Structure formats: C-alpha cells, structure tokens
Amino acid sequence: MLVFLVVGSYSYIYHLYKNRKDASGVDYEHYSNMALKDDIGDTPVKPISDEKKK
C-alpha cells in the first residue's frame, strides 16, 4: 500500500511539472510570489506593453 502511495504521489508531481502551462498557455509559476511581493513599488509579475494591445 505504501509503495502505491509513493509511486502515485511522484507520478502526480511529475504530471504537475510536466504540464505547468494550462490550456491558454499561461504559466502560473510566475504568479507564485504575488502574495509576498505586493507592495506598490515592486515590479509587476508580468508586465504588459501598450503596443501588444493595439
């Protein structure tokens, strides 16, 4: 039983790291420190330029 749980856990972790991007192509690992770096002077998590929206 323990071997099954260990193998299942490692395969799930491998699956998570292999498929880090969701269907829209967003890699949410960029957002992992958002709660810690939320001061007004901090750099944006993912800066967006105005030229991209045009």
N, C-alpha and C. Protein backbone atom coordinates (compact mmCIF):
# COMPACT_ATOMS: atom_id res chain seq x y z
N MET A 1 0.83 -1.19 0.00
CA MET A 1 0.00 0.00 0.00
C MET A 1 0.88 1.26 0.00
N LEU A 2 1.92 1.26 0.81
CA LEU A 2 2.81 2.41 0.89
C LEU A 2 3.52 2.65 -0.44
N VAL A 3 3.93 1.59 -1.09
CA VAL A 3 4.61 1.71 -2.38
C VAL A 3 3.66 2.35 -3.40
N PHE A 4 2.42 1.95 -3.40
CA PHE A 4 1.43 2.53 -4.31
C PHE A 4 1.25 4.03 -4.06
N LEU A 5 1.19 4.44 -2.80
CA LEU A 5 1.04 5.86 -2.47
C LEU A 5 2.26 6.67 -2.88
N VAL A 6 3.45 6.12 -2.68
CA VAL A 6 4.67 6.83 -3.07
C VAL A 6 4.74 6.97 -4.59
N VAL A 7 4.48 5.89 -5.31
CA VAL A 7 4.51 5.94 -6.77
C VAL A 7 3.43 6.89 -7.29
N GLY A 8 2.25 6.84 -6.70
CA GLY A 8 1.17 7.73 -7.11
C GLY A 8 1.51 9.19 -6.85
N SER A 9 2.12 9.48 -5.71
CA SER A 9 2.50 10.86 -5.39
C SER A 9 3.56 11.38 -6.35
N TYR A 10 4.58 10.58 -6.61
CA TYR A 10 5.63 11.02 -7.51
C TYR A 10 5.12 11.18 -8.94
N SER A 11 4.24 10.31 -9.37
CA SER A 11 3.70 10.46 -10.72
C SER A 11 2.81 11.70 -10.83
N TYR A 12 2.08 12.03 -9.78
CA TYR A 12 1.25 13.24 -9.79
C TYR A 12 2.13 14.50 -9.81
N ILE A 13 3.20 14.50 -9.03
CA ILE A 13 4.12 15.64 -9.02
C ILE A 13 4.79 15.79 -10.38
N TYR A 14 5.18 14.68 -10.99
CA TYR A 14 5.77 14.72 -12.33
C TYR A 14 4.77 15.28 -13.33
N HIS A 15 3.53 14.86 -13.22
CA HIS A 15 2.48 15.35 -14.12
C HIS A 15 2.30 16.87 -13.96
N LEU A 16 2.34 17.36 -12.73
CA LEU A 16 2.17 18.79 -12.50
C LEU A 16 3.32 19.60 -13.11
N TYR A 17 4.55 19.13 -12.95
CA TYR A 17 5.68 19.86 -13.50
C TYR A 17 5.78 19.72 -15.01
N LYS A 18 5.33 18.61 -15.55
CA LYS A 18 5.37 18.42 -16.99
C LYS A 18 4.35 19.31 -17.68
N ASN A 19 3.19 19.47 -17.08
CA ASN A 19 2.12 20.27 -17.66
C ASN A 19 1.93 21.56 -16.87
N ARG A 20 2.97 22.36 -16.79
CA ARG A 20 2.91 23.58 -15.99
C ARG A 20 2.02 24.64 -16.62
N LYS A 21 1.86 24.62 -17.90
CA LYS A 21 1.01 25.59 -18.57
C LYS A 21 -0.40 25.04 -18.70
N ASP A 22 -1.37 25.92 -18.57
CA ASP A 22 -2.75 25.48 -18.74
C ASP A 22 -3.13 25.57 -20.22
N ALA A 23 -4.40 25.39 -20.52
CA ALA A 23 -4.86 25.34 -21.90
C ALA A 23 -4.64 26.66 -22.65
N SER A 24 -4.67 27.77 -21.95
CA SER A 24 -4.47 29.06 -22.61
C SER A 24 -3.00 29.43 -22.74
N GLY A 25 -2.10 28.59 -22.27
CA GLY A 25 -0.67 28.84 -22.40
C GLY A 25 -0.09 29.68 -21.29
N VAL A 26 -0.80 29.85 -20.20
CA VAL A 26 -0.33 30.67 -19.09
C VAL A 26 0.45 29.79 -18.12
N ASP A 27 1.66 30.22 -17.81
CA ASP A 27 2.48 29.52 -16.82
C ASP A 27 2.28 30.21 -15.48
N TYR A 28 1.56 29.57 -14.58
CA TYR A 28 1.19 30.20 -13.33
C TYR A 28 2.30 30.22 -12.30
N GLU A 29 3.46 29.68 -12.62
CA GLU A 29 4.57 29.74 -11.68
C GLU A 29 5.10 31.17 -11.54
N HIS A 30 4.85 32.01 -12.55
CA HIS A 30 5.23 33.42 -12.44
C HIS A 30 4.47 34.10 -11.31
N TYR A 31 3.28 33.62 -11.02
CA TYR A 31 2.42 34.26 -10.03
C TYR A 31 2.59 33.69 -8.62
N SER A 32 3.55 32.83 -8.39
CA SER A 32 3.67 32.16 -7.09
C SER A 32 4.09 33.11 -5.97
N ASN A 33 4.81 34.16 -6.27
CA ASN A 33 5.26 35.11 -5.25
C ASN A 33 4.39 36.36 -5.18
N MET A 34 3.25 36.36 -5.83
CA MET A 34 2.41 37.55 -5.88
C MET A 34 1.95 37.99 -4.49
N ALA A 35 1.66 37.06 -3.61
CA ALA A 35 1.20 37.41 -2.27
C ALA A 35 2.32 38.01 -1.43
N LEU A 36 3.56 37.63 -1.70
CA LEU A 36 4.68 38.14 -0.92
C LEU A 36 5.19 39.48 -1.44
N LYS A 37 5.11 39.68 -2.74
CA LYS A 37 5.64 40.90 -3.36
C LYS A 37 4.48 41.75 -3.85
N ASP A 38 3.72 42.32 -2.91
CA ASP A 38 2.53 43.08 -3.30
C ASP A 38 2.61 44.55 -2.93
N ASP A 39 3.82 45.06 -2.69
CA ASP A 39 3.97 46.48 -2.41
C ASP A 39 3.82 47.29 -3.69
N ILE A 40 3.51 48.56 -3.54
CA ILE A 40 3.29 49.42 -4.70
C ILE A 40 4.58 49.63 -5.50
N GLY A 41 5.73 49.53 -4.84
CA GLY A 41 6.99 49.76 -5.52
C GLY A 41 7.59 48.52 -6.16
N ASP A 42 7.00 47.36 -5.95
CA ASP A 42 7.54 46.13 -6.52
C ASP A 42 7.30 46.07 -8.03
N THR A 43 8.15 45.32 -8.70
CA THR A 43 7.98 45.16 -10.14
C THR A 43 6.77 44.30 -10.42
N PRO A 44 6.10 44.53 -11.54
CA PRO A 44 4.94 43.71 -11.89
C PRO A 44 5.34 42.25 -12.12
N VAL A 45 4.40 41.37 -11.87
CA VAL A 45 4.66 39.95 -12.08
C VAL A 45 4.89 39.68 -13.55
N LYS A 46 4.02 40.22 -14.38
CA LYS A 46 4.14 40.04 -15.82
C LYS A 46 3.78 41.35 -16.49
N PRO A 47 4.78 42.17 -16.82
CA PRO A 47 4.46 43.47 -17.42
C PRO A 47 3.87 43.31 -18.82
N ILE A 48 2.91 44.15 -19.12
CA ILE A 48 2.25 44.13 -20.42
C ILE A 48 2.49 45.48 -21.08
N SER A 49 2.97 45.46 -22.31
CA SER A 49 3.22 46.71 -23.01
C SER A 49 1.94 47.17 -23.71
N ASP A 50 1.85 48.47 -23.96
CA ASP A 50 0.68 49.02 -24.64
C ASP A 50 0.66 48.64 -26.11
N GLU A 51 1.82 48.39 -26.71
CA GLU A 51 1.88 48.04 -28.12
C GLU A 51 1.23 46.69 -28.39
N LYS A 52 1.26 45.82 -27.43
CA LYS A 52 0.69 44.48 -27.62
C LYS A 52 -0.83 44.52 -27.72
N LYS A 53 -1.47 45.49 -27.05
CA LYS A 53 -2.93 45.58 -27.06
C LYS A 53 -3.47 46.16 -28.34
N LYS A 54 -2.66 46.90 -29.10
CA LYS A 54 -3.14 47.58 -30.31
C LYS A 54 -3.40 46.65 -31.42
